[in-house]
Protein backbone atom coordinates (compact mmCIF):
# COMPACT_ATOMS: atom_id res chain seq x y z
CA MET A 1 167.19 111.52 99.53
CA GLU A 2 165.18 114.66 100.15
CA PHE A 3 161.41 114.46 100.45
CA GLU A 4 158.50 116.84 100.74
CA VAL A 5 155.17 116.12 102.45
CA ILE A 6 152.15 117.36 100.52
CA LYS A 7 148.66 117.23 102.03
CA LEU A 8 145.70 116.76 99.72
CA GLY A 9 142.22 116.99 101.12
CA GLY A 10 139.20 119.09 101.86
CA SER A 11 138.16 121.18 98.87
CA ILE A 12 140.68 119.56 96.53
CA LEU A 13 138.73 116.28 96.89
CA LYS A 14 135.19 117.64 96.59
CA ASP A 15 134.27 116.32 93.13
CA ARG A 16 135.58 114.64 89.97
CA GLU A 17 137.10 117.80 88.55
CA ALA A 18 138.89 118.39 91.83
CA PHE A 19 140.25 114.82 91.75
CA LYS A 20 141.63 115.55 88.28
CA ARG A 21 143.40 118.65 89.62
CA ALA A 22 144.82 116.56 92.48
CA ALA A 23 146.10 114.01 89.96
CA GLU A 24 147.75 116.82 88.01
CA ILE A 25 149.46 118.03 91.19
CA VAL A 26 150.73 114.51 91.90
CA GLU A 27 151.98 114.10 88.33
CA LYS A 28 153.79 117.46 88.44
CA GLU A 29 155.40 116.72 91.81
CA LEU A 30 156.68 113.34 90.59
CA THR A 31 158.81 115.09 87.97
CA LYS A 32 160.85 116.96 90.59
CA GLU A 33 164.13 115.91 92.16
CA ILE A 34 162.56 115.82 95.64
CA LEU A 35 160.52 112.74 96.55
CA PRO A 36 156.90 113.77 97.23
CA VAL A 37 155.04 112.07 100.07
CA PHE A 38 151.30 112.62 99.74
CA VAL A 39 148.95 112.65 102.71
CA VAL A 40 145.26 112.43 101.86
CA SER A 41 142.77 113.74 104.38
CA ALA A 42 139.02 113.37 104.53
CA MET A 43 136.96 114.54 101.59
CA LYS A 44 135.21 117.90 101.79
CA GLY A 45 132.62 117.96 104.59
CA VAL A 46 133.45 114.57 106.11
CA THR A 47 135.43 115.93 109.06
CA ASP A 48 132.56 118.31 109.89
CA LYS A 49 130.10 115.38 109.81
CA ILE A 50 132.28 113.35 112.17
CA ILE A 51 132.64 116.26 114.60
CA GLY A 52 128.89 116.90 114.42
CA ALA A 53 128.09 113.27 115.17
CA LEU A 54 130.51 113.26 118.09
CA ASN A 55 129.03 116.45 119.53
CA GLN A 56 125.47 115.19 119.12
CA SER A 57 126.33 111.87 120.78
CA LEU A 58 127.85 113.75 123.73
CA GLU A 59 124.71 115.90 124.09
CA ASP A 60 122.10 113.18 123.50
CA GLU A 61 122.65 109.68 124.90
CA SER A 62 120.06 108.23 122.53
CA TYR A 63 121.86 109.54 119.42
CA ASP A 64 123.52 106.80 117.39
CA PRO A 65 126.64 108.18 115.60
CA ARG A 66 126.36 105.35 113.08
CA ARG A 67 123.61 107.42 111.47
CA ILE A 68 126.27 109.06 109.34
CA ARG A 69 125.86 107.60 105.89
CA ARG A 70 127.38 108.19 102.51
CA ARG A 71 125.35 110.26 100.12
CA SER A 72 123.96 108.29 97.23
CA ARG A 73 125.38 109.10 93.80
């Protein structure tokens, strides 16, 4: 069986409307003859926050990388 890897992430997961578009992509891909394999990466901005926390912890020993918190809704 053939398969295709499709990455979803970043700007396609930034808000509810974007999630709807991602769902539409998944639905469309499921109708094809090739089996889609979806890989979901971090939501928009999360990777940058992780890298920022890592860099700050390397520069400042007193920095606690656990300070990264989810935004409230």
